[in-house]
PDB file of N, CA and C in Angstrom:
ATOM      1  N   UNK A   1       0.857  -1.174   0.000  1.00  0.00           N
ATOM      2  CA  UNK A   1       0.000   0.000   0.000  1.00  0.00           C
ATOM      3  C   UNK A   1       0.893   1.224   0.000  1.00  0.00           C
ATOM      4  N   UNK A   2       0.484   2.241  -0.741  1.00  0.00           N
ATOM      5  CA  UNK A   2       1.250   3.469  -0.810  1.00  0.00           C
ATOM      6  C   UNK A   2       0.572   4.604  -0.061  1.00  0.00           C
ATOM      7  N   UNK A   3       1.389   5.540   0.374  1.00  0.00           N
ATOM      8  CA  UNK A   3       0.912   6.772   1.003  1.00  0.00           C
ATOM      9  C   UNK A   3       1.547   7.916   0.229  1.00  0.00           C
ATOM     10  N   UNK A   4       0.745   8.863  -0.265  1.00  0.00           N
ATOM     11  CA  UNK A   4       1.290   9.984  -1.021  1.00  0.00           C
ATOM     12  C   UNK A   4       1.144  11.279  -0.228  1.00  0.00           C
ATOM     13  N   UNK A   5       2.234  12.054  -0.236  1.00  0.00           N
ATOM     14  CA  UNK A   5       2.311  13.315   0.491  1.00  0.00           C
ATOM     15  C   UNK A   5       2.597  14.447  -0.476  1.00  0.00           C
ATOM     16  N   UNK A   6       2.010  15.593  -0.214  1.00  0.00           N
ATOM     17  CA  UNK A   6       2.353  16.816  -0.924  1.00  0.00           C
ATOM     18  C   UNK A   6       3.535  17.410  -0.167  1.00  0.00           C
ATOM     19  N   UNK A   7       4.738  17.213  -0.666  1.00  0.00           N
ATOM     20  CA  UNK A   7       5.940  17.641   0.029  1.00  0.00           C
ATOM     21  C   UNK A   7       6.681  16.455   0.613  1.00  0.00           C
ATOM     22  N   UNK A   8       7.638  16.762   1.483  1.00  0.00           N
ATOM     23  CA  UNK A   8       8.459  15.707   2.076  1.00  0.00           C
ATOM     24  C   UNK A   8       8.199  15.611   3.572  1.00  0.00           C
ATOM     25  N   UNK A   9       7.637  14.500   4.026  1.00  0.00           N
ATOM     26  CA  UNK A   9       7.382  14.334   5.455  1.00  0.00           C
ATOM     27  C   UNK A   9       8.666  14.027   6.217  1.00  0.00           C
ATOM     28  N   UNK A  10       8.756  14.533   7.434  1.00  0.00           N
ATOM     29  CA  UNK A  10       9.918  14.260   8.287  1.00  0.00           C
ATOM     30  C   UNK A  10       9.603  13.060   9.169  1.00  0.00           C
ATOM     31  N   UNK A  11       9.995  11.889   8.693  1.00  0.00           N
ATOM     32  CA  UNK A  11       9.733  10.646   9.405  1.00  0.00           C
ATOM     33  C   UNK A  11      11.074  10.037   9.818  1.00  0.00           C
ATOM     34  N   UNK A  12      11.209   9.752  11.112  1.00  0.00           N
ATOM     35  CA  UNK A  12      12.453   9.216  11.652  1.00  0.00           C
ATOM     36  C   UNK A  12      12.336   7.771  12.115  1.00  0.00           C
ATOM     37  N   UNK A  13      11.113   7.306  12.302  1.00  0.00           N
ATOM     38  CA  UNK A  13      10.866   5.963  12.818  1.00  0.00           C
ATOM     39  C   UNK A  13      10.190   5.148  11.710  1.00  0.00           C
ATOM     40  N   UNK A  14      10.691   3.961  11.366  1.00  0.00           N
ATOM     41  CA  UNK A  14      10.102   3.177  10.275  1.00  0.00           C
ATOM     42  C   UNK A  14       8.789   2.463  10.630  1.00  0.00           C
ATOM     43  N   UNK A  15       8.362   2.543  11.888  1.00  0.00           N
ATOM     44  CA  UNK A  15       7.119   1.850  12.258  1.00  0.00           C
ATOM     45  C   UNK A  15       5.897   2.655  11.811  1.00  0.00           C
ATOM     46  N   UNK A  16       4.807   1.935  11.575  1.00  0.00           N
ATOM     47  CA  UNK A  16       3.519   2.532  11.219  1.00  0.00           C
ATOM     48  C   UNK A  16       2.571   2.231  12.369  1.00  0.00           C
ATOM     49  N   UNK A  17       1.906   3.270  12.875  1.00  0.00           N
ATOM     50  CA  UNK A  17       1.065   3.138  14.060  1.00  0.00           C
ATOM     51  C   UNK A  17      -0.410   3.383  13.746  1.00  0.00           C
ATOM     52  N   UNK A  18      -1.275   2.725  14.492  1.00  0.00           N
ATOM     53  CA  UNK A  18      -2.713   2.950  14.410  1.00  0.00           C
ATOM     54  C   UNK A  18      -3.274   2.827  15.812  1.00  0.00           C
ATOM     55  N   UNK A  19      -3.845   3.900  16.308  1.00  0.00           N
ATOM     56  CA  UNK A  19      -4.431   3.933  17.662  1.00  0.00           C
ATOM     57  C   UNK A  19      -3.461   3.425  18.724  1.00  0.00           C
ATOM     58  N   UNK A  20      -2.218   3.866  18.646  1.00  0.00           N
ATOM     59  CA  UNK A  20      -1.224   3.523  19.654  1.00  0.00           C
ATOM     60  C   UNK A  20      -0.549   2.170  19.511  1.00  0.00           C
ATOM     61  N   UNK A  21      -0.866   1.442  18.442  1.00  0.00           N
ATOM     62  CA  UNK A  21      -0.291   0.117  18.219  1.00  0.00           C
ATOM     63  C   UNK A  21       0.522   0.121  16.935  1.00  0.00           C
ATOM     64  N   UNK A  22       1.680  -0.513  16.960  1.00  0.00           N
ATOM     65  CA  UNK A  22       2.477  -0.661  15.737  1.00  0.00           C
ATOM     66  C   UNK A  22       1.792  -1.714  14.880  1.00  0.00           C
ATOM     67  N   UNK A  23       1.399  -1.312  13.648  1.00  0.00           N
ATOM     68  CA  UNK A  23       0.647  -2.204  12.759  1.00  0.00           C
ATOM     69  C   UNK A  23       1.413  -2.552  11.489  1.00  0.00           C
ATOM     70  N   UNK A  24       2.580  -1.958  11.311  1.00  0.00           N
ATOM     71  CA  UNK A  24       3.349  -2.234  10.104  1.00  0.00           C
ATOM     72  C   UNK A  24       4.649  -1.461  10.071  1.00  0.00           C
ATOM     73  N   UNK A  25       5.282  -1.477   8.889  1.00  0.00           N
ATOM     74  CA  UNK A  25       6.588  -0.842   8.702  1.00  0.00           C
ATOM     75  C   UNK A  25       6.630  -0.087   7.376  1.00  0.00           C
ATOM     76  N   UNK A  26       7.470   0.929   7.334  1.00  0.00           N
ATOM     77  CA  UNK A  26       7.742   1.636   6.084  1.00  0.00           C
ATOM     78  C   UNK A  26       8.718   0.776   5.288  1.00  0.00           C
ATOM     79  N   UNK A  27       8.379   0.522   4.022  1.00  0.00           N
ATOM     80  CA  UNK A  27       9.207  -0.333   3.180  1.00  0.00           C
ATOM     81  C   UNK A  27      10.119   0.460   2.256  1.00  0.00           C
ATOM     82  N   UNK A  28       9.612   1.554   1.698  1.00  0.00           N
ATOM     83  CA  UNK A  28      10.418   2.361   0.786  1.00  0.00           C
ATOM     84  C   UNK A  28       9.860   3.774   0.712  1.00  0.00           C
ATOM     85  N   UNK A  29      10.681   4.646   0.103  1.00  0.00           N
ATOM     86  CA  UNK A  29      10.314   6.056   0.010  1.00  0.00           C
ATOM     87  C   UNK A  29      10.916   6.617  -1.264  1.00  0.00           C
ATOM     88  N   UNK A  30      10.110   7.381  -2.030  1.00  0.00           N
ATOM     89  CA  UNK A  30      10.619   8.029  -3.236  1.00  0.00           C
ATOM     90  C   UNK A  30       9.921   9.370  -3.415  1.00  0.00           C
ATOM     91  N   UNK A  31      10.654  10.313  -4.014  1.00  0.00           N
ATOM     92  CA  UNK A  31      10.102  11.645  -4.229  1.00  0.00           C
ATOM     93  C   UNK A  31      10.241  12.011  -5.692  1.00  0.00           C
ATOM     94  N   UNK A  32       9.172  12.636  -6.234  1.00  0.00           N
ATOM     95  CA  UNK A  32       9.176  13.062  -7.625  1.00  0.00           C
ATOM     96  C   UNK A  32       8.263  14.272  -7.767  1.00  0.00           C
ATOM     97  N   UNK A  33       8.788  15.363  -8.309  1.00  0.00           N
ATOM     98  CA  UNK A  33       8.012  16.586  -8.555  1.00  0.00           C
ATOM     99  C   UNK A  33       7.295  17.102  -7.317  1.00  0.00           C
ATOM    100  N   UNK A  34       7.938  17.054  -6.175  1.00  0.00           N
ATOM    101  CA  UNK A  34       7.362  17.576  -4.944  1.00  0.00           C
ATOM    102  C   UNK A  34       6.366  16.656  -4.259  1.00  0.00           C
ATOM    103  N   UNK A  35       6.210  15.438  -4.771  1.00  0.00           N
ATOM    104  CA  UNK A  35       5.304  14.464  -4.175  1.00  0.00           C
ATOM    105  C   UNK A  35       6.138  13.300  -3.641  1.00  0.00           C
ATOM    106  N   UNK A  36       5.910  12.947  -2.385  1.00  0.00           N
ATOM    107  CA  UNK A  36       6.608  11.814  -1.786  1.00  0.00           C
ATOM    108  C   UNK A  36       5.647  10.642  -1.704  1.00  0.00           C
ATOM    109  N   UNK A  37       6.122   9.479  -2.157  1.00  0.00           N
ATOM    110  CA  UNK A  37       5.336   8.241  -2.065  1.00  0.00           C
ATOM    111  C   UNK A  37       6.091   7.284  -1.152  1.00  0.00           C
ATOM    112  N   UNK A  38       5.416   6.846  -0.113  1.00  0.00           N
ATOM    113  CA  UNK A  38       5.981   5.910   0.841  1.00  0.00           C
ATOM    114  C   UNK A  38       5.198   4.610   0.739  1.00  0.00           C
ATOM    115  N   UNK A  39       5.907   3.506   0.582  1.00  0.00           N
ATOM    116  CA  UNK A  39       5.267   2.189   0.581  1.00  0.00           C
ATOM    117  C   UNK A  39       5.316   1.641   1.998  1.00  0.00           C
ATOM    118  N   UNK A  40       4.179   1.140   2.458  1.00  0.00           N
ATOM    119  CA  UNK A  40       4.117   0.560   3.795  1.00  0.00           C
ATOM    120  C   UNK A  40       3.578  -0.861   3.705  1.00  0.00           C
ATOM    121  N   UNK A  41       4.005  -1.679   4.627  1.00  0.00           N
ATOM    122  CA  UNK A  41       3.499  -3.036   4.751  1.00  0.00           C
ATOM    123  C   UNK A  41       2.803  -3.165   6.087  1.00  0.00           C
ATOM    124  N   UNK A  42       1.578  -3.665   6.073  1.00  0.00           N
ATOM    125  CA  UNK A  42       0.831  -3.869   7.312  1.00  0.00           C
ATOM    126  C   UNK A  42       0.908  -5.331   7.721  1.00  0.00           C
ATOM    127  N   UNK A  43       0.958  -5.566   9.021  1.00  0.00           N
ATOM    128  CA  UNK A  43       0.964  -6.921   9.541  1.00  0.00           C
ATOM    129  C   UNK A  43      -0.384  -7.579   9.241  1.00  0.00           C
ATOM    130  N   UNK A  44      -0.394  -8.895   9.085  1.00  0.00           N
ATOM    131  CA  UNK A  44      -1.558  -9.659   8.656  1.00  0.00           C
ATOM    132  C   UNK A  44      -2.893  -9.274   9.262  1.00  0.00           C
ATOM    133  N   UNK A  45      -2.961  -9.154  10.579  1.00  0.00           N
ATOM    134  CA  UNK A  45      -4.250  -8.876  11.221  1.00  0.00           C
ATOM    135  C   UNK A  45      -4.735  -7.449  10.966  1.00  0.00           C
ATOM    136  N   UNK A  46      -3.881  -6.588  10.379  1.00  0.00           N
ATOM    137  CA  UNK A  46      -4.276  -5.205  10.102  1.00  0.00           C
ATOM    138  C   UNK A  46      -4.507  -4.940   8.615  1.00  0.00           C
ATOM    139  N   UNK A  47      -4.473  -5.983   7.806  1.00  0.00           N
ATOM    140  CA  UNK A  47      -4.713  -5.850   6.368  1.00  0.00           C
ATOM    141  C   UNK A  47      -6.089  -5.246   6.080  1.00  0.00           C
ATOM    142  N   UNK A  48      -7.055  -5.464   6.957  1.00  0.00           N
ATOM    143  CA  UNK A  48      -8.403  -4.951   6.744  1.00  0.00           C
ATOM    144  C   UNK A  48      -8.496  -3.430   6.862  1.00  0.00           C
ATOM    145  N   UNK A  49      -7.421  -2.778   7.292  1.00  0.00           N
ATOM    146  CA  UNK A  49      -7.403  -1.310   7.356  1.00  0.00           C
ATOM    147  C   UNK A  49      -7.277  -0.676   5.972  1.00  0.00           C
ATOM    148  N   UNK A  50      -6.855  -1.436   4.985  1.00  0.00           N
ATOM    149  CA  UNK A  50      -6.596  -0.907   3.645  1.00  0.00           C
ATOM    150  C   UNK A  50      -7.900  -0.530   2.947  1.00  0.00           C
ATOM    151  N   UNK A  51      -8.408   0.650   3.314  1.00  0.00           N
ATOM    152  CA  UNK A  51      -9.664   1.143   2.748  1.00  0.00           C
ATOM    153  C   UNK A  51      -9.504   2.611   2.358  1.00  0.00           C
ATOM    154  N   UNK A  52     -10.457   3.088   1.569  1.00  0.00           N
ATOM    155  CA  UNK A  52     -10.397   4.459   1.055  1.00  0.00           C
ATOM    156  C   UNK A  52     -10.592   5.510   2.137  1.00  0.00           C
ATOM    157  N   UNK A  53     -11.070   5.131   3.306  1.00  0.00           N
ATOM    158  CA  UNK A  53     -11.268   6.093   4.386  1.00  0.00           C
ATOM    159  C   UNK A  53     -10.052   6.215   5.306  1.00  0.00           C
ATOM    160  N   UNK A  54      -8.941   5.576   4.928  1.00  0.00           N
ATOM    161  CA  UNK A  54      -7.716   5.605   5.733  1.00  0.00           C
ATOM    162  C   UNK A  54      -6.813   6.735   5.258  1.00  0.00           C
ATOM    163  N   UNK A  55      -6.153   7.391   6.176  1.00  0.00           N
ATOM    164  CA  UNK A  55      -5.166   8.433   5.862  1.00  0.00           C
ATOM    165  C   UNK A  55      -3.973   8.234   6.790  1.00  0.00           C
ATOM    166  N   UNK A  56      -2.873   8.893   6.462  1.00  0.00           N
ATOM    167  CA  UNK A  56      -1.675   8.822   7.293  1.00  0.00           C
ATOM    168  C   UNK A  56      -1.259  10.242   7.670  1.00  0.00           C
ATOM    169  N   UNK A  57      -0.900  10.423   8.924  1.00  0.00           N
ATOM    170  CA  UNK A  57      -0.482  11.727   9.434  1.00  0.00           C
ATOM    171  C   UNK A  57       0.860  11.551  10.132  1.00  0.00           C
ATOM    172  N   UNK A  58       1.793  12.450   9.868  1.00  0.00           N
ATOM    173  CA  UNK A  58       3.088  12.407  10.538  1.00  0.00           C
ATOM    174  C   UNK A  58       2.984  13.200  11.842  1.00  0.00           C
ATOM    175  N   UNK A  59       3.303  12.519  12.935  1.00  0.00           N
ATOM    176  CA  UNK A  59       3.307  13.142  14.264  1.00  0.00           C
ATOM    177  C   UNK A  59       4.602  12.768  14.946  1.00  0.00           C
ATOM    178  N   UNK A  60       5.371  13.750  15.354  1.00  0.00           N
ATOM    179  CA  UNK A  60       6.614  13.522  16.085  1.00  0.00           C
ATOM    180  C   UNK A  60       7.544  12.537  15.381  1.00  0.00           C
ATOM    181  N   UNK A  61       7.652  12.656  14.063  1.00  0.00           N
ATOM    182  CA  UNK A  61       8.562  11.811  13.305  1.00  0.00           C
ATOM    183  C   UNK A  61       8.086  10.399  13.056  1.00  0.00           C
ATOM    184  N   UNK A  62       6.825  10.120  13.358  1.00  0.00           N
ATOM    185  CA  UNK A  62       6.261   8.782  13.156  1.00  0.00           C
ATOM    186  C   UNK A  62       5.035   8.868  12.248  1.00  0.00           C
ATOM    187  N   UNK A  63       4.788   7.786  11.525  1.00  0.00           N
ATOM    188  CA  UNK A  63       3.635   7.703  10.637  1.00  0.00           C
ATOM    189  C   UNK A  63       2.471   7.059  11.386  1.00  0.00           C
ATOM    190  N   UNK A  64       1.373   7.812  11.497  1.00  0.00           N
ATOM    191  CA  UNK A  64       0.181   7.343  12.200  1.00  0.00           C
ATOM    192  C   UNK A  64      -0.974   7.231  11.214  1.00  0.00           C
ATOM    193  N   UNK A  65      -1.619   6.083  11.205  1.00  0.00           N
ATOM    194  CA  UNK A  65      -2.804   5.898  10.376  1.00  0.00           C
ATOM    195  C   UNK A  65      -4.019   6.374  11.147  1.00  0.00           C
ATOM    196  N   UNK A  66      -4.961   6.971  10.420  1.00  0.00           N
ATOM    197  CA  UNK A  66      -6.192   7.469  11.028  1.00  0.00           C
ATOM    198  C   UNK A  66      -7.330   7.293  10.034  1.00  0.00           C
ATOM    199  N   UNK A  67      -8.546   7.302  10.523  1.00  0.00           N
ATOM    200  CA  UNK A  67      -9.709   7.146   9.658  1.00  0.00           C
ATOM    201  C   UNK A  67     -10.297   8.514   9.329  1.00  0.00           C
ATOM    202  N   UNK A  68     -10.532   8.769   8.051  1.00  0.00           N
ATOM    203  CA  UNK A  68     -11.162  10.016   7.623  1.00  0.00           C
ATOM    204  C   UNK A  68     -12.649  10.010   7.950  1.00  0.00           C
ATOM    205  N   UNK A  69     -13.261   8.851   7.856  1.00  0.00           N
ATOM    206  CA  UNK A  69     -14.694   8.709   8.115  1.00  0.00           C
ATOM    207  C   UNK A  69     -14.956   7.284   8.580  1.00  0.00           C
ATOM    208  N   UNK A  70     -16.200   6.994   8.894  1.00  0.00           N
ATOM    209  CA  UNK A  70     -16.547   5.672   9.403  1.00  0.00           C
ATOM    210  C   UNK A  70     -16.650   4.587   8.364  1.00  0.00           C
ATOM    211  N   UNK A  71     -16.772   4.953   7.088  1.00  0.00           N
ATOM    212  CA  UNK A  71     -16.947   3.932   6.063  1.00  0.00           C
ATOM    213  C   UNK A  71     -15.981   4.169   4.913  1.00  0.00           C
ATOM    214  N   UNK A  72     -15.406   3.101   4.409  1.00  0.00           N
ATOM    215  CA  UNK A  72     -14.543   3.179   3.237  1.00  0.00           C
ATOM    216  C   UNK A  72     -14.591   1.873   2.473  1.00  0.00           C
ATOM    217  N   UNK A  73     -14.374   1.966   1.184  1.00  0.00           N
ATOM    218  CA  UNK A  73     -14.328   0.768   0.349  1.00  0.00           C
ATOM    219  C   UNK A  73     -12.908   0.207   0.364  1.00  0.00           C
ATOM    220  N   UNK A  74     -12.792  -1.065   0.038  1.00  0.00           N
ATOM    221  CA  UNK A  74     -11.469  -1.691  -0.011  1.00  0.00           C
ATOM    222  C   UNK A  74     -10.581  -0.979  -1.017  1.00  0.00           C
ATOM    223  N   UNK A  75      -9.337  -0.785  -0.645  1.00  0.00           N
ATOM    224  CA  UNK A  75      -8.361  -0.143  -1.517  1.00  0.00           C
ATOM    225  C   UNK A  75      -7.933  -1.146  -2.583  1.00  0.00           C
ATOM    226  N   UNK A  76      -7.913  -0.739  -3.852  1.00  0.00           N
ATOM    227  CA  UNK A  76      -7.478  -1.684  -4.890  1.00  0.00           C
ATOM    228  C   UNK A  76      -6.003  -2.044  -4.707  1.00  0.00           C
ATOM    229  N   UNK A  77      -5.600  -3.178  -5.261  1.00  0.00           N
ATOM    230  CA  UNK A  77      -4.199  -3.600  -5.183  1.00  0.00           C
ATOM    231  C   UNK A  77      -3.312  -2.495  -5.740  1.00  0.00           C
ATOM    232  N   UNK A  78      -2.259  -2.154  -5.021  1.00  0.00           N
ATOM    233  CA  UNK A  78      -1.361  -1.086  -5.439  1.00  0.00           C
ATOM    234  C   UNK A  78      -1.920   0.301  -5.201  1.00  0.00           C
ATOM    235  N   UNK A  79      -3.063   0.381  -4.522  1.00  0.00           N
ATOM    236  CA  UNK A  79      -3.709   1.670  -4.264  1.00  0.00           C
ATOM    237  C   UNK A  79      -2.947   2.508  -3.249  1.00  0.00           C
ATOM    238  N   UNK A  80      -3.275   3.799  -3.227  1.00  0.00           N
ATOM    239  CA  UNK A  80      -2.613   4.735  -2.314  1.00  0.00           C
ATOM    240  C   UNK A  80      -3.640   5.460  -1.455  1.00  0.00           C
ATOM    241  N   UNK A  81      -3.175   5.878  -0.287  1.00  0.00           N
ATOM    242  CA  UNK A  81      -3.979   6.704   0.603  1.00  0.00           C
ATOM    243  C   UNK A  81      -3.302   8.052   0.741  1.00  0.00           C
ATOM    244  N   UNK A  82      -4.033   9.008   1.281  1.00  0.00           N
ATOM    245  CA  UNK A  82      -3.506  10.343   1.501  1.00  0.00           C
ATOM    246  C   UNK A  82      -2.577  10.373   2.703  1.00  0.00           C
ATOM    247  N   UNK A  83      -1.498  11.127   2.544  1.00  0.00           N
ATOM    248  CA  UNK A  83      -0.587  11.370   3.644  1.00  0.00           C
ATOM    249  C   UNK A  83      -0.536  12.856   3.921  1.00  0.00           C
ATOM    250  N   UNK A  84      -0.443  13.213   5.162  1.00  0.00           N
ATOM    251  CA  UNK A  84      -0.365  14.612   5.573  1.00  0.00           C
ATOM    252  C   UNK A  84       0.894  14.797   6.400  1.00  0.00           C
ATOM    253  N   UNK A  85       1.675  15.830   6.071  1.00  0.00           N
ATOM    254  CA  UNK A  85       2.982  16.023   6.690  1.00  0.00           C
ATOM    255  C   UNK A  85       2.898  16.443   8.153  1.00  0.00           C
ATOM    256  N   UNK A  86       1.714  16.876   8.596  1.00  0.00           N
ATOM    257  CA  UNK A  86       1.535  17.234  10.004  1.00  0.00           C
ATOM    258  C   UNK A  86       0.044  17.244  10.342  1.00  0.00           C
ATOM    259  N   UNK A  87      -0.258  17.368  11.631  1.00  0.00           N
ATOM    260  CA  UNK A  87      -1.646  17.355  12.084  1.00  0.00           C
ATOM    261  C   UNK A  87      -2.421  18.548  11.548  1.00  0.00           C
ATOM    262  N   UNK A  88      -1.765  19.692  11.419  1.00  0.00           N
ATOM    263  CA  UNK A  88      -2.457  20.893  10.942  1.00  0.00           C
ATOM    264  C   UNK A  88      -2.967  20.722   9.521  1.00  0.00           C
ATOM    265  N   UNK A  89      -2.142  20.165   8.634  1.00  0.00           N
ATOM    266  CA  UNK A  89      -2.589  19.972   7.251  1.00  0.00           C
ATOM    267  C   UNK A  89      -3.720  18.952   7.182  1.00  0.00           C
ATOM    268  N   UNK A  90      -3.691  17.939   8.033  1.00  0.00           N
ATOM    269  CA  UNK A  90      -4.766  16.945   8.096  1.00  0.00           C
ATOM    270  C   UNK A  90      -6.066  17.596   8.570  1.00  0.00           C
ATOM    271  N   UNK A  91      -5.986  18.370   9.631  1.00  0.00           N
ATOM    272  CA  UNK A  91      -7.188  19.029  10.164  1.00  0.00           C
ATOM    273  C   UNK A  91      -7.771  20.008   9.150  1.00  0.00           C
ATOM    274  N   UNK A  92      -6.905  20.759   8.464  1.00  0.00           N
ATOM    275  CA  UNK A  92      -7.366  21.714   7.469  1.00  0.00           C
ATOM    276  C   UNK A  92      -8.082  20.979   6.332  1.00  0.00           C
ATOM    277  N   UNK A  93      -7.541  19.859   5.879  1.00  0.00           N
ATOM    278  CA  UNK A  93      -8.178  19.068   4.826  1.00  0.00           C
ATOM    279  C   UNK A  93      -9.569  18.615   5.269  1.00  0.00           C
ATOM    280  N   UNK A  94      -9.686  18.077   6.470  1.00  0.00           N
ATOM    281  CA  UNK A  94     -10.980  17.615   6.964  1.00  0.00           C
ATOM    282  C   UNK A  94     -11.955  18.777   7.104  1.00  0.00           C
ATOM    283  N   UNK A  95     -11.484  19.915   7.596  1.00  0.00           N
ATOM    284  CA  UNK A  95     -12.355  21.070   7.772  1.00  0.00           C
ATOM    285  C   UNK A  95     -12.874  21.577   6.433  1.00  0.00           C
ATOM    286  N   UNK A  96     -11.989  21.667   5.438  1.00  0.00           N
ATOM    287  CA  UNK A  96     -12.388  22.165   4.115  1.00  0.00           C
ATOM    288  C   UNK A  96     -13.421  21.267   3.458  1.00  0.00           C
ATOM    289  N   UNK A  97     -13.387  19.982   3.741  1.00  0.00           N
ATOM    290  CA  UNK A  97     -14.236  19.031   3.042  1.00  0.00           C
ATOM    291  C   UNK A  97     -15.300  18.409   3.937  1.00  0.00           C
ATOM    292  N   UNK A  98     -15.616  19.080   5.028  1.00  0.00           N
ATOM    293  CA  UNK A  98     -16.598  18.527   5.967  1.00  0.00           C
ATOM    294  C   UNK A  98     -17.982  18.412   5.333  1.00  0.00           C
ATOM    295  N   UNK A  99     -18.295  19.307   4.409  1.00  0.00           N
ATOM    296  CA  UNK A  99     -19.616  19.289   3.771  1.00  0.00           C
ATOM    297  C   UNK A  99     -19.655  18.263   2.642  1.00  0.00           C
ATOM    298  N   UNK A 100     -18.550  18.133   1.924  1.00  0.00           N
ATOM    299  CA  UNK A 100     -18.489  17.216   0.787  1.00  0.00           C
ATOM    300  C   UNK A 100     -18.251  15.791   1.255  1.00  0.00           C
ATOM    301  N   UNK A 101     -18.305  14.884   0.342  1.00  0.00           N
ATOM    302  CA  UNK A 101     -17.976  13.490   0.624  1.00  0.00           C
ATOM    303  C   UNK A 101     -16.462  13.395   0.797  1.00  0.00           C
ATOM    304  N   UNK A 102     -16.003  13.262   2.011  1.00  0.00           N
ATOM    305  CA  UNK A 102     -14.565  13.305   2.290  1.00  0.00           C
ATOM    306  C   UNK A 102     -13.811  12.146   1.643  1.00  0.00           C
ATOM    307  N   UNK A 103     -14.421  10.973   1.537  1.00  0.00           N
ATOM    308  CA  UNK A 103     -13.733   9.846   0.902  1.00  0.00           C
ATOM    309  C   UNK A 103     -13.509  10.117  -0.578  1.00  0.00           C
ATOM    310  N   UNK A 104     -14.503  10.676  -1.260  1.00  0.00           N
ATOM    311  CA  UNK A 104     -14.360  10.984  -2.678  1.00  0.00           C
ATOM    312  C   UNK A 104     -13.286  12.059  -2.871  1.00  0.00           C
ATOM    313  N   UNK A 105     -13.309  13.080  -2.036  1.00  0.00           N
ATOM    314  CA  UNK A 105     -12.323  14.147  -2.113  1.00  0.00           C
ATOM    315  C   UNK A 105     -10.924  13.613  -1.831  1.00  0.00           C
ATOM    316  N   UNK A 106     -10.803  12.705  -0.882  1.00  0.00           N
ATOM    317  CA  UNK A 106      -9.504  12.105  -0.555  1.00  0.00           C
ATOM    318  C   UNK A 106      -8.974  11.331  -1.747  1.00  0.00           C
ATOM    319  N   UNK A 107      -9.829  10.558  -2.403  1.00  0.00           N
ATOM    320  CA  UNK A 107      -9.405   9.800  -3.579  1.00  0.00           C
ATOM    321  C   UNK A 107      -8.957  10.740  -4.694  1.00  0.00           C
ATOM    322  N   UNK A 108      -9.674  11.837  -4.896  1.00  0.00           N
ATOM    323  CA  UNK A 108      -9.294  12.805  -5.924  1.00  0.00           C
ATOM    324  C   UNK A 108      -7.935  13.420  -5.613  1.00  0.00           C
ATOM    325  N   UNK A 109      -7.659  13.690  -4.333  1.00  0.00           N
ATOM    326  CA  UNK A 109      -6.359  14.253  -3.940  1.00  0.00           C
ATOM    327  C   UNK A 109      -5.236  13.267  -4.235  1.00  0.00           C
ATOM    328  N   UNK A 110      -5.444  11.993  -3.924  1.00  0.00           N
ATOM    329  CA  UNK A 110      -4.437  10.971  -4.211  1.00  0.00           C
ATOM    330  C   UNK A 110      -4.149  10.937  -5.704  1.00  0.00           C
ATOM    331  N   UNK A 111      -5.194  10.944  -6.531  1.00  0.00           N
ATOM    332  CA  UNK A 111      -5.009  10.876  -7.979  1.00  0.00           C
ATOM    333  C   UNK A 111      -4.242  12.093  -8.503  1.00  0.00           C
ATOM    334  N   UNK A 112      -4.538  13.298  -7.983  1.00  0.00           N
ATOM    335  CA  UNK A 112      -3.810  14.511  -8.393  1.00  0.00           C
ATOM    336  C   UNK A 112      -2.339  14.425  -8.020  1.00  0.00           C
ATOM    337  N   UNK A 113      -2.046  13.961  -6.798  1.00  0.00           N
ATOM    338  CA  UNK A 113      -0.655  13.859  -6.362  1.00  0.00           C
ATOM    339  C   UNK A 113       0.098  12.816  -7.165  1.00  0.00           C
ATOM    340  N   UNK A 114      -0.532  11.680  -7.442  1.00  0.00           N
ATOM    341  CA  UNK A 114       0.122  10.650  -8.254  1.00  0.00           C
ATOM    342  C   UNK A 114       0.380  11.156  -9.670  1.00  0.00           C
ATOM    343  N   UNK A 115      -0.568  11.873 -10.243  1.00  0.00           N
ATOM    344  CA  UNK A 115      -0.383  12.430 -11.589  1.00  0.00           C
ATOM    345  C   UNK A 115       0.765  13.430 -11.598  1.00  0.00           C
ATOM    346  N   UNK A 116       0.833  14.278 -10.571  1.00  0.00           N
ATOM    347  CA  UNK A 116       1.913  15.267 -10.485  1.00  0.00           C
ATOM    348  C   UNK A 116       3.275  14.608 -10.327  1.00  0.00           C
ATOM    349  N   UNK A 117       3.304  13.464  -9.655  1.00  0.00           N
ATOM    350  CA  UNK A 117       4.582  12.782  -9.448  1.00  0.00           C
ATOM    351  C   UNK A 117       5.009  11.977 -10.678  1.00  0.00           C
ATOM    352  N   UNK A 118       4.099  11.850 -11.661  1.00  0.00           N
ATOM    353  CA  UNK A 118       4.417  11.092 -12.858  1.00  0.00           C
ATOM    354  C   UNK A 118       4.043   9.633 -12.763  1.00  0.00           C
ATOM    355  N   UNK A 119       3.373   9.252 -11.685  1.00  0.00           N
ATOM    356  CA  UNK A 119       2.958   7.851 -11.494  1.00  0.00           C
ATOM    357  C   UNK A 119       1.478   7.726 -11.835  1.00  0.00           C
ATOM    358  N   UNK A 120       1.081   6.553 -12.214  1.00  0.00           N
ATOM    359  CA  UNK A 120      -0.317   6.286 -12.519  1.00  0.00           C
ATOM    360  C   UNK A 120      -0.958   5.710 -11.264  1.00  0.00           C
ATOM    361  N   UNK A 121      -2.185   6.161 -10.924  1.00  0.00           N
ATOM    362  CA  UNK A 121      -2.865   5.715  -9.710  1.00  0.00           C
ATOM    363  C   UNK A 121      -3.565   4.431  -9.835  1.00  0.00           C
TER     364      UNK A 121
END
């Protein structure tokens, strides 16, 4: 599963966290045209988190997974989720799209970032 960021996140710890539990690891990282794509691997029992309502936020140098909303569809193979370089950018995104369908808007953001980086979504 990939996580795409607008910019370069400052991540110092390779673990991936969800609700205070380590659920996976960062596998690779690449940057292209101002977009950073990080590949993460989730441990078996957390594979069910791979849905369109999942996002990643960098907090204190660590990657934390969070839910954008209560419902999301399964992420297609090789799919990406939104990454936010800090809590402020995540909160601003949610605030701006509180009226709209946040999952649809999140998917559109991923597609724009992947297109800008030269990768196909």
